[in-house]
Amino acid sequence: MNWRPGPRNLITDVPGITVGQAQDAGLRSGVTVILPAGRARGAADIRGGGPGTRETETMTHGGLVNELHGLVFSGGSAFGLDAATGVQSFLREQGAGFAVGAARVPIVPQAILFDLLNGGDKDWGRHSPYRDMAYQAATDAAEDFALGTAGAGFGAAVAWAKSGQRMMGGIGSASLIRDDGLAIGALAAVNAAGAVTIGDTPHFWAAPFEIGGEFGGLGLPAVMKEEWQVPVLKAGPMQNTTLAVIATNAALTNSELRRLAIMAQTGMARAIVPVHTPVDGDIAFALSVGDHPMAAPPAGLIELGAYAANTLARAIARGVYEAGGIPGASDLPAYRDVFPRKV
């Protein structure tokens, strides 16, 4: 059976997934909220050396809860971990949560990226703004959402050309749907220490997996120069991290979701060079929000994981390709500023 991008080419092509985003231009930071319809099953795979997370332990195999009601990506480093509280507040108002007697406890895992030194005004006083931004993002969650300079990717950056140079990162998403309705969607907040483009060219490392010119349609360079294989890092250590989530309507167990997250993480390696470094907090979540059957194991999971990795690679490239439009951000060019004649 064939796989094709969904009608939106977004993670929301997976039935039951909505996404909300909020950002502050003065802060140069924001929040992205992924909301399943009802509860979902989830797992996470952490590969970066500097992760910042909340409640990922609830998704470990054999845990008591084994469900989640929302997922949050945020800027703000550890200060941004307050964002999940805003989503919890929203979900509690909806009556959602893990049942403990008469109580309902919304389970909202979260991961953060570091954008504290990107030039925005971080003098927010006693309490950070991430809780309120996340509440607003959850309230606004819908099937359509912005890519590029939005949500958790609003103040993100990646390396390019040579160490010390930066261009805007951002929010990217992509999807694939099989002829029988099995769906995969990916969303990424791209703030990597490494580069998503090859050397000083406009070509993306993820080019072999592009579908329909979704990030420029340039393919790979005709010749791969040796100097382009030298890893480059953006200016400043510990100002990084790529956050990713794969969602599917496949009926997966927790152990299968864990394997899906591991396989999907390969998509980062196809799109970012270098990746999973000591100064990144790279993490991939996997969510199951349906009961669509797959082929008998292990073949069905192998197929799903392979396409999930491709879909995540595409999402990462789209996040950088679609970036731009921050007022007063002349210090940080977007991809289309750097390559105006080639996109």
C-alpha atoms as a PDB file:
ATOM      1  CA  MET A   1       0.000   0.000   0.000  1.00  0.00           C
ATOM      2  CA  ASN A   2       1.093   3.549  -0.738  1.00  0.00           C
ATOM      3  CA  TRP A   3       1.859   6.337   1.728  1.00  0.00           C
ATOM      4  CA  ARG A   4       1.146   9.996   0.910  1.00  0.00           C
ATOM      5  CA  PRO A   5       1.139  13.280   2.865  1.00  0.00           C
ATOM      6  CA  GLY A   6      -2.214  14.102   4.426  1.00  0.00           C
ATOM      7  CA  PRO A   7      -4.363  17.045   3.303  1.00  0.00           C
ATOM      8  CA  ARG A   8      -2.632  19.493   5.657  1.00  0.00           C
ATOM      9  CA  ASN A   9       0.796  17.812   5.737  1.00  0.00           C
ATOM     10  CA  LEU A  10       0.677  18.413   9.486  1.00  0.00           C
ATOM     11  CA  ILE A  11       0.608  16.213  12.572  1.00  0.00           C
ATOM     12  CA  THR A  12      -3.103  17.047  12.806  1.00  0.00           C
ATOM     13  CA  ASP A  13      -3.736  14.767   9.817  1.00  0.00           C
ATOM     14  CA  VAL A  14      -3.710  12.048  12.492  1.00  0.00           C
ATOM     15  CA  PRO A  15      -7.368  11.899  13.603  1.00  0.00           C
ATOM     16  CA  GLY A  16      -7.905  13.262  17.098  1.00  0.00           C
ATOM     17  CA  ILE A  17      -4.799  15.491  17.296  1.00  0.00           C
ATOM     18  CA  THR A  18      -5.002  19.268  17.629  1.00  0.00           C
ATOM     19  CA  VAL A  19      -2.201  21.793  18.172  1.00  0.00           C
ATOM     20  CA  GLY A  20      -2.230  25.188  19.853  1.00  0.00           C
ATOM     21  CA  GLN A  21       0.537  27.779  19.968  1.00  0.00           C
ATOM     22  CA  ALA A  22       1.281  31.046  21.717  1.00  0.00           C
ATOM     23  CA  GLN A  23       4.317  33.304  21.594  1.00  0.00           C
ATOM     24  CA  ASP A  24       5.565  36.683  22.749  1.00  0.00           C
ATOM     25  CA  ALA A  25       7.578  38.734  20.257  1.00  0.00           C
ATOM     26  CA  GLY A  26       9.237  40.792  22.992  1.00  0.00           C
ATOM     27  CA  LEU A  27      10.180  37.676  24.909  1.00  0.00           C
ATOM     28  CA  ARG A  28      11.238  35.909  21.679  1.00  0.00           C
ATOM     29  CA  SER A  29       9.880  32.659  23.019  1.00  0.00           C
ATOM     30  CA  GLY A  30       6.712  30.623  23.050  1.00  0.00           C
ATOM     31  CA  VAL A  31       4.819  27.416  23.680  1.00  0.00           C
ATOM     32  CA  THR A  32       3.396  24.627  21.515  1.00  0.00           C
ATOM     33  CA  VAL A  33       0.699  22.332  22.914  1.00  0.00           C
ATOM     34  CA  ILE A  34      -0.310  18.984  21.408  1.00  0.00           C
ATOM     35  CA  LEU A  35      -3.742  17.810  22.544  1.00  0.00           C
ATOM     36  CA  PRO A  36      -5.195  14.372  21.800  1.00  0.00           C
ATOM     37  CA  ALA A  37      -8.930  13.819  21.808  1.00  0.00           C
ATOM     38  CA  GLY A  38      -9.327  12.047  25.126  1.00  0.00           C
ATOM     39  CA  ARG A  39      -6.414  10.147  26.574  1.00  0.00           C
ATOM     40  CA  ALA A  40      -3.462   8.814  24.612  1.00  0.00           C
ATOM     41  CA  ARG A  41      -0.735   6.279  25.180  1.00  0.00           C
ATOM     42  CA  GLY A  42       2.827   7.542  24.965  1.00  0.00           C
ATOM     43  CA  ALA A  43       6.533   6.891  25.253  1.00  0.00           C
ATOM     44  CA  ALA A  44       9.687   8.984  25.037  1.00  0.00           C
ATOM     45  CA  ASP A  45      13.268   8.487  23.888  1.00  0.00           C
ATOM     46  CA  ILE A  46      15.919  10.949  25.098  1.00  0.00           C
ATOM     47  CA  ARG A  47      19.188  11.137  23.144  1.00  0.00           C
ATOM     48  CA  GLY A  48      20.566  14.616  23.910  1.00  0.00           C
ATOM     49  CA  GLY A  49      22.998  15.196  26.739  1.00  0.00           C
ATOM     50  CA  GLY A  50      21.142  18.139  28.326  1.00  0.00           C
ATOM     51  CA  PRO A  51      17.407  17.386  28.456  1.00  0.00           C
ATOM     52  CA  GLY A  52      14.809  19.342  30.405  1.00  0.00           C
ATOM     53  CA  THR A  53      11.566  17.428  30.953  1.00  0.00           C
ATOM     54  CA  ARG A  54       8.527  17.027  33.171  1.00  0.00           C
ATOM     55  CA  GLU A  55       6.491  13.860  33.806  1.00  0.00           C
ATOM     56  CA  THR A  56       8.199  11.749  31.152  1.00  0.00           C
ATOM     57  CA  GLU A  57       8.484   9.046  33.826  1.00  0.00           C
ATOM     58  CA  THR A  58       4.710   8.540  33.619  1.00  0.00           C
ATOM     59  CA  MET A  59       5.257   6.996  30.176  1.00  0.00           C
ATOM     60  CA  THR A  60       7.801   4.394  31.236  1.00  0.00           C
ATOM     61  CA  HIS A  61       6.937   0.768  30.571  1.00  0.00           C
ATOM     62  CA  GLY A  62       5.082  -0.834  33.452  1.00  0.00           C
ATOM     63  CA  GLY A  63       4.022   2.429  35.085  1.00  0.00           C
ATOM     64  CA  LEU A  64       0.674   2.772  36.802  1.00  0.00           C
ATOM     65  CA  VAL A  65      -0.823   5.580  34.733  1.00  0.00           C
ATOM     66  CA  ASN A  66       0.108   4.698  31.130  1.00  0.00           C
ATOM     67  CA  GLU A  67      -1.900   7.555  29.666  1.00  0.00           C
ATOM     68  CA  LEU A  68      -1.442  11.232  28.902  1.00  0.00           C
ATOM     69  CA  HIS A  69      -3.864  14.034  28.148  1.00  0.00           C
ATOM     70  CA  GLY A  70      -1.593  16.673  26.634  1.00  0.00           C
ATOM     71  CA  LEU A  71       2.011  17.270  25.588  1.00  0.00           C
ATOM     72  CA  VAL A  72       3.896  20.575  25.808  1.00  0.00           C
ATOM     73  CA  PHE A  73       6.991  21.947  24.063  1.00  0.00           C
ATOM     74  CA  SER A  74       8.305  25.254  25.377  1.00  0.00           C
ATOM     75  CA  GLY A  75      11.128  27.718  25.222  1.00  0.00           C
ATOM     76  CA  GLY A  76      12.514  29.226  28.399  1.00  0.00           C
ATOM     77  CA  SER A  77      14.765  26.389  29.538  1.00  0.00           C
ATOM     78  CA  ALA A  78      13.827  25.229  33.071  1.00  0.00           C
ATOM     79  CA  PHE A  79      11.630  28.322  33.550  1.00  0.00           C
ATOM     80  CA  GLY A  80       9.477  27.073  30.693  1.00  0.00           C
ATOM     81  CA  LEU A  81       8.585  23.885  32.562  1.00  0.00           C
ATOM     82  CA  ASP A  82       5.803  25.887  34.181  1.00  0.00           C
ATOM     83  CA  ALA A  83       3.939  25.683  30.854  1.00  0.00           C
ATOM     84  CA  ALA A  84       2.549  22.228  31.600  1.00  0.00           C
ATOM     85  CA  THR A  85       0.725  23.723  34.589  1.00  0.00           C
ATOM     86  CA  GLY A  86      -1.240  25.965  32.237  1.00  0.00           C
ATOM     87  CA  VAL A  87      -2.296  22.985  30.135  1.00  0.00           C
ATOM     88  CA  GLN A  88      -3.203  21.055  33.277  1.00  0.00           C
ATOM     89  CA  SER A  89      -5.440  23.930  34.306  1.00  0.00           C
ATOM     90  CA  PHE A  90      -7.160  23.928  30.926  1.00  0.00           C
ATOM     91  CA  LEU A  91      -7.690  20.153  30.932  1.00  0.00           C
ATOM     92  CA  ARG A  92      -8.970  20.180  34.521  1.00  0.00           C
ATOM     93  CA  GLU A  93     -11.616  22.663  33.468  1.00  0.00           C
ATOM     94  CA  GLN A  94     -12.646  20.191  30.757  1.00  0.00           C
ATOM     95  CA  GLY A  95     -12.918  17.362  33.268  1.00  0.00           C
ATOM     96  CA  ALA A  96     -10.017  15.455  31.686  1.00  0.00           C
ATOM     97  CA  GLY A  97      -7.458  13.489  33.639  1.00  0.00           C
ATOM     98  CA  PHE A  98      -6.413  10.236  35.239  1.00  0.00           C
ATOM     99  CA  ALA A  99      -9.149   9.076  37.578  1.00  0.00           C
ATOM    100  CA  VAL A 100      -8.203   8.705  41.254  1.00  0.00           C
ATOM    101  CA  GLY A 101     -11.543   8.237  42.947  1.00  0.00           C
ATOM    102  CA  ALA A 102     -13.523  11.401  42.405  1.00  0.00           C
ATOM    103  CA  ALA A 103     -10.382  13.346  41.478  1.00  0.00           C
ATOM    104  CA  ARG A 104      -9.103  13.850  37.943  1.00  0.00           C
ATOM    105  CA  VAL A 105      -5.395  14.506  37.403  1.00  0.00           C
ATOM    106  CA  PRO A 106      -4.414  15.626  33.869  1.00  0.00           C
ATOM    107  CA  ILE A 107      -1.117  14.020  32.861  1.00  0.00           C
ATOM    108  CA  VAL A 108       0.862  16.512  30.775  1.00  0.00           C
ATOM    109  CA  PRO A 109       4.472  15.600  29.936  1.00  0.00           C
ATOM    110  CA  GLN A 110       6.690  18.429  28.733  1.00  0.00           C
ATOM    111  CA  ALA A 111      10.107  19.143  27.245  1.00  0.00           C
ATOM    112  CA  ILE A 112      11.918  22.460  26.916  1.00  0.00           C
ATOM    113  CA  LEU A 113      14.552  24.083  24.731  1.00  0.00           C
ATOM    114  CA  PHE A 114      17.035  26.803  25.644  1.00  0.00           C
ATOM    115  CA  ASP A 115      16.315  30.251  24.170  1.00  0.00           C
ATOM    116  CA  LEU A 116      17.243  32.476  27.123  1.00  0.00           C
ATOM    117  CA  LEU A 117      20.141  34.206  25.349  1.00  0.00           C
ATOM    118  CA  ASN A 118      18.447  35.001  22.026  1.00  0.00           C
ATOM    119  CA  GLY A 119      18.044  38.739  22.646  1.00  0.00           C
ATOM    120  CA  GLY A 120      14.465  38.747  23.922  1.00  0.00           C
ATOM    121  CA  ASP A 121      13.358  40.524  27.089  1.00  0.00           C
ATOM    122  CA  LYS A 122      13.503  37.843  29.785  1.00  0.00           C
ATOM    123  CA  ASP A 123      12.922  40.231  32.698  1.00  0.00           C
ATOM    124  CA  TRP A 124       9.482  38.822  33.497  1.00  0.00           C
ATOM    125  CA  GLY A 125       9.494  39.403  37.237  1.00  0.00           C
ATOM    126  CA  ARG A 126       8.591  36.831  39.878  1.00  0.00           C
ATOM    127  CA  HIS A 127       6.749  34.337  37.657  1.00  0.00           C
ATOM    128  CA  SER A 128       7.540  33.365  34.084  1.00  0.00           C
ATOM    129  CA  PRO A 129       4.824  33.852  31.433  1.00  0.00           C
ATOM    130  CA  TYR A 130       4.896  30.273  30.170  1.00  0.00           C
ATOM    131  CA  ARG A 131       1.978  28.989  32.258  1.00  0.00           C
ATOM    132  CA  ASP A 132      -0.397  31.598  30.880  1.00  0.00           C
ATOM    133  CA  MET A 133       0.912  31.229  27.314  1.00  0.00           C
ATOM    134  CA  ALA A 134       0.339  27.483  27.503  1.00  0.00           C
ATOM    135  CA  TYR A 135      -3.203  27.928  28.796  1.00  0.00           C
ATOM    136  CA  GLN A 136      -3.944  30.222  25.855  1.00  0.00           C
ATOM    137  CA  ALA A 137      -2.330  27.797  23.422  1.00  0.00           C
ATOM    138  CA  ALA A 138      -4.466  24.937  24.747  1.00  0.00           C
ATOM    139  CA  THR A 139      -7.587  27.076  24.468  1.00  0.00           C
ATOM    140  CA  ASP A 140      -6.765  27.861  20.829  1.00  0.00           C
ATOM    141  CA  ALA A 141      -5.798  24.307  19.802  1.00  0.00           C
ATOM    142  CA  ALA A 142      -7.052  23.411  16.321  1.00  0.00           C
ATOM    143  CA  GLU A 143      -6.222  21.297  13.284  1.00  0.00           C
ATOM    144  CA  ASP A 144      -4.491  24.190  11.490  1.00  0.00           C
ATOM    145  CA  PHE A 145      -1.448  25.899  12.998  1.00  0.00           C
ATOM    146  CA  ALA A 146       1.532  27.972  11.887  1.00  0.00           C
ATOM    147  CA  LEU A 147       4.927  26.594  10.930  1.00  0.00           C
ATOM    148  CA  GLY A 148       8.306  28.288  11.235  1.00  0.00           C
ATOM    149  CA  THR A 149       8.559  31.197  13.668  1.00  0.00           C
ATOM    150  CA  ALA A 150       5.750  30.206  16.008  1.00  0.00           C
ATOM    151  CA  GLY A 151       5.083  28.602  19.373  1.00  0.00           C
ATOM    152  CA  ALA A 152       8.028  26.872  21.020  1.00  0.00           C
ATOM    153  CA  GLY A 153      10.104  27.578  17.906  1.00  0.00           C
ATOM    154  CA  PHE A 154       9.573  31.344  17.990  1.00  0.00           C
ATOM    155  CA  GLY A 155      13.051  32.130  19.306  1.00  0.00           C
ATOM    156  CA  ALA A 156      14.845  29.034  18.010  1.00  0.00           C
ATOM    157  CA  ALA A 157      18.036  28.965  15.939  1.00  0.00           C
ATOM    158  CA  VAL A 158      20.286  26.484  14.144  1.00  0.00           C
ATOM    159  CA  ALA A 159      23.851  26.585  12.822  1.00  0.00           C
ATOM    160  CA  TRP A 160      24.770  27.054   9.178  1.00  0.00           C
ATOM    161  CA  ALA A 161      27.821  27.432   6.908  1.00  0.00           C
ATOM    162  CA  LYS A 162      30.471  27.551   9.648  1.00  0.00           C
ATOM    163  CA  SER A 163      30.682  27.431  13.418  1.00  0.00           C
ATOM    164  CA  GLY A 164      29.395  30.613  15.011  1.00  0.00           C
ATOM    165  CA  GLN A 165      26.855  31.423  12.315  1.00  0.00           C
ATOM    166  CA  ARG A 166      23.146  31.054  13.020  1.00  0.00           C
ATOM    167  CA  MET A 167      19.845  31.152  11.198  1.00  0.00           C
ATOM    168  CA  MET A 168      16.311  30.861  12.522  1.00  0.00           C
ATOM    169  CA  GLY A 169      14.973  27.514  13.606  1.00  0.00           C
ATOM    170  CA  GLY A 170      11.276  26.968  14.154  1.00  0.00           C
ATOM    171  CA  ILE A 171       8.250  24.701  14.300  1.00  0.00           C
ATOM    172  CA  GLY A 172       7.963  22.076  11.570  1.00  0.00           C
ATOM    173  CA  SER A 173       5.429  19.390  10.851  1.00  0.00           C
ATOM    174  CA  ALA A 174       4.667  16.720   8.252  1.00  0.00           C
ATOM    175  CA  SER A 175       2.441  13.697   7.779  1.00  0.00           C
ATOM    176  CA  LEU A 176       1.939  10.450   5.880  1.00  0.00           C
ATOM    177  CA  ILE A 177      -1.270   8.486   5.416  1.00  0.00           C
ATOM    178  CA  ARG A 178      -1.408   4.949   4.042  1.00  0.00           C
ATOM    179  CA  ASP A 179      -4.117   3.955   1.572  1.00  0.00           C
ATOM    180  CA  ASP A 180      -6.011   2.089   4.300  1.00  0.00           C
ATOM    181  CA  GLY A 181      -6.059   5.116   6.647  1.00  0.00           C
ATOM    182  CA  LEU A 182      -3.088   4.321   8.877  1.00  0.00           C
ATOM    183  CA  ALA A 183      -1.626   7.751   9.698  1.00  0.00           C
ATOM    184  CA  ILE A 184       1.681   9.160  10.950  1.00  0.00           C
ATOM    185  CA  GLY A 185       2.302  12.792  11.877  1.00  0.00           C
ATOM    186  CA  ALA A 186       5.420  14.532  13.156  1.00  0.00           C
ATOM    187  CA  LEU A 187       5.998  17.888  14.840  1.00  0.00           C
ATOM    188  CA  ALA A 188       9.379  19.337  15.786  1.00  0.00           C
ATOM    189  CA  ALA A 189      10.643  22.440  17.570  1.00  0.00           C
ATOM    190  CA  VAL A 190      14.052  22.903  15.944  1.00  0.00           C
ATOM    191  CA  ASN A 191      16.708  24.708  17.990  1.00  0.00           C
ATOM    192  CA  ALA A 192      19.660  22.433  17.260  1.00  0.00           C
ATOM    193  CA  ALA A 193      23.319  23.027  18.021  1.00  0.00           C
ATOM    194  CA  GLY A 194      24.019  21.629  14.562  1.00  0.00           C
ATOM    195  CA  ALA A 195      22.926  22.520  11.026  1.00  0.00           C
ATOM    196  CA  VAL A 196      19.996  21.377   8.916  1.00  0.00           C
ATOM    197  CA  THR A 197      21.531  22.719   5.680  1.00  0.00           C
ATOM    198  CA  ILE A 198      24.637  21.409   3.936  1.00  0.00           C
ATOM    199  CA  GLY A 199      27.658  23.691   4.237  1.00  0.00           C
ATOM    200  CA  ASP A 200      27.003  27.136   2.776  1.00  0.00           C
ATOM    201  CA  THR A 201      24.403  25.777   0.346  1.00  0.00           C
ATOM    202  CA  PRO A 202      20.585  26.004   0.482  1.00  0.00           C
ATOM    203  CA  HIS A 203      20.317  22.211   0.317  1.00  0.00           C
ATOM    204  CA  PHE A 204      18.848  20.371   3.314  1.00  0.00           C
ATOM    205  CA  TRP A 205      20.348  17.233   4.814  1.00  0.00           C
ATOM    206  CA  ALA A 206      16.779  15.869   4.777  1.00  0.00           C
ATOM    207  CA  ALA A 207      16.479  16.352   0.995  1.00  0.00           C
ATOM    208  CA  PRO A 208      16.250  12.624   0.103  1.00  0.00           C
ATOM    209  CA  PHE A 209      13.007  12.378   2.074  1.00  0.00           C
ATOM    210  CA  GLU A 210      11.290  15.514   0.752  1.00  0.00           C
ATOM    211  CA  ILE A 211       7.865  15.106  -0.846  1.00  0.00           C
ATOM    212  CA  GLY A 212       6.432  17.578  -3.340  1.00  0.00           C
ATOM    213  CA  GLY A 213       8.848  20.461  -2.804  1.00  0.00           C
ATOM    214  CA  GLU A 214       7.672  20.986   0.779  1.00  0.00           C
ATOM    215  CA  PHE A 215      10.967  22.648   1.730  1.00  0.00           C
ATOM    216  CA  GLY A 216      12.128  24.062  -1.578  1.00  0.00           C
ATOM    217  CA  GLY A 217      12.557  20.998  -3.772  1.00  0.00           C
ATOM    218  CA  LEU A 218      16.289  21.541  -4.319  1.00  0.00           C
ATOM    219  CA  GLY A 219      17.410  17.984  -3.637  1.00  0.00           C
ATOM    220  CA  LEU A 220      21.016  17.249  -2.728  1.00  0.00           C
ATOM    221  CA  PRO A 221      24.062  19.047  -4.185  1.00  0.00           C
ATOM    222  CA  ALA A 222      25.407  17.517  -7.384  1.00  0.00           C
ATOM    223  CA  VAL A 223      28.755  17.026  -5.635  1.00  0.00           C
ATOM    224  CA  MET A 224      29.266  16.604  -1.886  1.00  0.00           C
ATOM    225  CA  LYS A 225      32.374  18.596  -0.986  1.00  0.00           C
ATOM    226  CA  GLU A 226      34.624  17.248   1.719  1.00  0.00           C
ATOM    227  CA  GLU A 227      34.551  20.503   3.719  1.00  0.00           C
ATOM    228  CA  TRP A 228      30.758  20.298   4.004  1.00  0.00           C
ATOM    229  CA  GLN A 229      31.156  17.188   6.110  1.00  0.00           C
ATOM    230  CA  VAL A 230      32.979  19.116   8.855  1.00  0.00           C
ATOM    231  CA  PRO A 231      30.478  19.560  11.734  1.00  0.00           C
ATOM    232  CA  VAL A 232      29.464  23.149  12.458  1.00  0.00           C
ATOM    233  CA  LEU A 233      27.881  24.483  15.659  1.00  0.00           C
ATOM    234  CA  LYS A 234      25.988  27.689  16.263  1.00  0.00           C
ATOM    235  CA  ALA A 235      27.457  30.311  18.604  1.00  0.00           C
ATOM    236  CA  GLY A 236      27.327  29.580  22.306  1.00  0.00           C
ATOM    237  CA  PRO A 237      27.142  26.273  24.166  1.00  0.00           C
ATOM    238  CA  MET A 238      23.965  24.960  25.820  1.00  0.00           C
ATOM    239  CA  GLN A 239      21.577  27.119  23.787  1.00  0.00           C
ATOM    240  CA  ASN A 240      20.063  24.257  21.890  1.00  0.00           C
ATOM    241  CA  THR A 241      17.715  21.238  21.639  1.00  0.00           C
ATOM    242  CA  THR A 242      15.304  19.721  19.126  1.00  0.00           C
ATOM    243  CA  LEU A 243      11.990  18.512  20.526  1.00  0.00           C
ATOM    244  CA  ALA A 244       9.904  16.083  18.490  1.00  0.00           C
ATOM    245  CA  VAL A 245       6.699  14.093  18.656  1.00  0.00           C
ATOM    246  CA  ILE A 246       5.391  11.356  16.390  1.00  0.00           C
ATOM    247  CA  ALA A 247       1.650  10.658  16.547  1.00  0.00           C
ATOM    248  CA  THR A 248      -0.181   7.738  14.970  1.00  0.00           C
ATOM    249  CA  ASN A 249      -3.636   6.212  14.960  1.00  0.00           C
ATOM    250  CA  ALA A 250      -2.095   2.733  15.100  1.00  0.00           C
ATOM    251  CA  ALA A 251      -3.040   0.590  18.079  1.00  0.00           C
ATOM    252  CA  LEU A 252       0.296   0.319  19.894  1.00  0.00           C
ATOM    253  CA  THR A 253       1.294  -0.996  23.290  1.00  0.00           C
ATOM    254  CA  ASN A 254       3.629   1.003  25.524  1.00  0.00           C
ATOM    255  CA  SER A 255       6.597  -1.147  24.561  1.00  0.00           C
ATOM    256  CA  GLU A 256       5.771  -0.694  20.859  1.00  0.00           C
ATOM    257  CA  LEU A 257       5.504   3.061  21.381  1.00  0.00           C
ATOM    258  CA  ARG A 258       8.928   3.071  22.996  1.00  0.00           C
ATOM    259  CA  ARG A 259      10.366   1.324  19.942  1.00  0.00           C
ATOM    260  CA  LEU A 260       8.542   3.758  17.634  1.00  0.00           C
ATOM    261  CA  ALA A 261      10.109   6.710  19.478  1.00  0.00           C
ATOM    262  CA  ILE A 262      13.561   5.134  19.143  1.00  0.00           C
ATOM    263  CA  MET A 263      13.103   4.506  15.419  1.00  0.00           C
ATOM    264  CA  ALA A 264      11.634   7.970  14.822  1.00  0.00           C
ATOM    265  CA  GLN A 265      14.642   9.560  16.511  1.00  0.00           C
ATOM    266  CA  THR A 266      16.615   8.427  13.448  1.00  0.00           C
ATOM    267  CA  GLY A 267      14.828  11.201  11.573  1.00  0.00           C
ATOM    268  CA  MET A 268      16.791  13.755  13.584  1.00  0.00           C
ATOM    269  CA  ALA A 269      20.039  12.180  12.410  1.00  0.00           C
ATOM    270  CA  ARG A 270      18.816  12.406   8.806  1.00  0.00           C
ATOM    271  CA  ALA A 271      18.019  16.112   9.137  1.00  0.00           C
ATOM    272  CA  ILE A 272      20.562  17.622  11.592  1.00  0.00           C
ATOM    273  CA  VAL A 273      24.372  17.404  11.599  1.00  0.00           C
ATOM    274  CA  PRO A 274      25.675  16.926  14.267  1.00  0.00           C
ATOM    275  CA  VAL A 275      22.796  15.744  16.460  1.00  0.00           C
ATOM    276  CA  HIS A 276      22.283  14.274  19.966  1.00  0.00           C
ATOM    277  CA  THR A 277      25.272  16.263  21.206  1.00  0.00           C
ATOM    278  CA  PRO A 278      26.202  16.852  24.862  1.00  0.00           C
ATOM    279  CA  VAL A 279      24.756  20.387  24.605  1.00  0.00           C
ATOM    280  CA  ASP A 280      21.402  19.366  23.103  1.00  0.00           C
ATOM    281  CA  GLY A 281      18.405  18.028  25.012  1.00  0.00           C
ATOM    282  CA  ASP A 282      17.027  16.107  22.030  1.00  0.00           C
ATOM    283  CA  ILE A 283      13.938  14.020  22.759  1.00  0.00           C
ATOM    284  CA  ALA A 284      11.322  12.227  20.679  1.00  0.00           C
ATOM    285  CA  PHE A 285       7.863  11.359  21.982  1.00  0.00           C
ATOM    286  CA  ALA A 286       5.569   8.792  20.380  1.00  0.00           C
ATOM    287  CA  LEU A 287       1.791   8.976  20.846  1.00  0.00           C
ATOM    288  CA  SER A 288      -0.914   6.469  19.958  1.00  0.00           C
ATOM    289  CA  VAL A 289      -4.376   8.015  19.653  1.00  0.00           C
ATOM    290  CA  GLY A 290      -6.336   5.329  17.824  1.00  0.00           C
ATOM    291  CA  ASP A 291      -6.931   1.654  17.262  1.00  0.00           C
ATOM    292  CA  HIS A 292      -6.048   1.219  13.579  1.00  0.00           C
ATOM    293  CA  PRO A 293      -4.676  -2.296  13.012  1.00  0.00           C
ATOM    294  CA  MET A 294      -1.194  -2.906  11.642  1.00  0.00           C
ATOM    295  CA  ALA A 295       0.415  -5.882   9.966  1.00  0.00           C
ATOM    296  CA  ALA A 296       1.404  -8.733  12.235  1.00  0.00           C
ATOM    297  CA  PRO A 297       4.451  -7.964  14.397  1.00  0.00           C
ATOM    298  CA  PRO A 298       7.212  -7.232  13.917  1.00  0.00           C
ATOM    299  CA  ALA A 299       6.608  -6.239  10.280  1.00  0.00           C
ATOM    300  CA  GLY A 300       3.928  -3.641  11.022  1.00  0.00           C
ATOM    301  CA  LEU A 301       6.003  -1.777  13.596  1.00  0.00           C
ATOM    302  CA  ILE A 302       9.083  -1.883  11.380  1.00  0.00           C
ATOM    303  CA  GLU A 303       7.156  -0.246   8.547  1.00  0.00           C
ATOM    304  CA  LEU A 304       5.594   2.348  10.845  1.00  0.00           C
ATOM    305  CA  GLY A 305       8.941   3.234  12.452  1.00  0.00           C
ATOM    306  CA  ALA A 306      10.722   3.583   9.120  1.00  0.00           C
ATOM    307  CA  TYR A 307       8.132   6.011   7.774  1.00  0.00           C
ATOM    308  CA  ALA A 308       8.014   7.854  11.107  1.00  0.00           C
ATOM    309  CA  ALA A 309      11.745   8.610  10.835  1.00  0.00           C
ATOM    310  CA  ASN A 310      11.298   9.932   7.295  1.00  0.00           C
ATOM    311  CA  THR A 311       8.346  12.065   8.390  1.00  0.00           C
ATOM    312  CA  LEU A 312      10.286  13.584  11.283  1.00  0.00           C
ATOM    313  CA  ALA A 313      13.216  14.451   8.994  1.00  0.00           C
ATOM    314  CA  ARG A 314      10.793  16.299   6.706  1.00  0.00           C
ATOM    315  CA  ALA A 315       9.205  18.125   9.635  1.00  0.00           C
ATOM    316  CA  ILE A 316      12.590  19.374  10.863  1.00  0.00           C
ATOM    317  CA  ALA A 317      13.532  20.776   7.457  1.00  0.00           C
ATOM    318  CA  ARG A 318      10.116  22.448   7.120  1.00  0.00           C
ATOM    319  CA  GLY A 319      10.580  24.155  10.485  1.00  0.00           C
ATOM    320  CA  VAL A 320      13.676  25.977   9.225  1.00  0.00           C
ATOM    321  CA  TYR A 321      12.391  26.520   5.685  1.00  0.00           C
ATOM    322  CA  GLU A 322       9.213  28.239   6.927  1.00  0.00           C
ATOM    323  CA  ALA A 323      10.910  30.451   9.550  1.00  0.00           C
ATOM    324  CA  GLY A 324      10.985  34.230   9.450  1.00  0.00           C
ATOM    325  CA  GLY A 325       9.146  37.376  10.399  1.00  0.00           C
ATOM    326  CA  ILE A 326      10.437  38.249  13.873  1.00  0.00           C
ATOM    327  CA  PRO A 327      10.284  42.044  14.206  1.00  0.00           C
ATOM    328  CA  GLY A 328      13.694  43.526  14.933  1.00  0.00           C
ATOM    329  CA  ALA A 329      15.545  40.248  14.547  1.00  0.00           C
ATOM    330  CA  SER A 330      18.175  41.448  12.102  1.00  0.00           C
ATOM    331  CA  ASP A 331      20.746  39.598  14.205  1.00  0.00           C
ATOM    332  CA  LEU A 332      19.197  36.268  13.195  1.00  0.00           C
ATOM    333  CA  PRO A 333      18.425  35.745   9.487  1.00  0.00           C
ATOM    334  CA  ALA A 334      15.852  33.276   8.241  1.00  0.00           C
ATOM    335  CA  TYR A 335      16.554  30.639   5.608  1.00  0.00           C
ATOM    336  CA  ARG A 336      14.839  32.707   2.930  1.00  0.00           C
ATOM    337  CA  ASP A 337      16.893  35.752   3.912  1.00  0.00           C
ATOM    338  CA  VAL A 338      20.105  33.784   3.488  1.00  0.00           C
ATOM    339  CA  PHE A 339      19.024  32.164   0.191  1.00  0.00           C
ATOM    340  CA  PRO A 340      16.587  34.661  -1.371  1.00  0.00           C
ATOM    341  CA  ARG A 341      17.111  33.575  -4.989  1.00  0.00           C
ATOM    342  CA  LYS A 342      17.083  29.875  -4.430  1.00  0.00           C
ATOM    343  CA  VAL A 343      13.740  29.159  -2.797  1.00  0.00           C
END
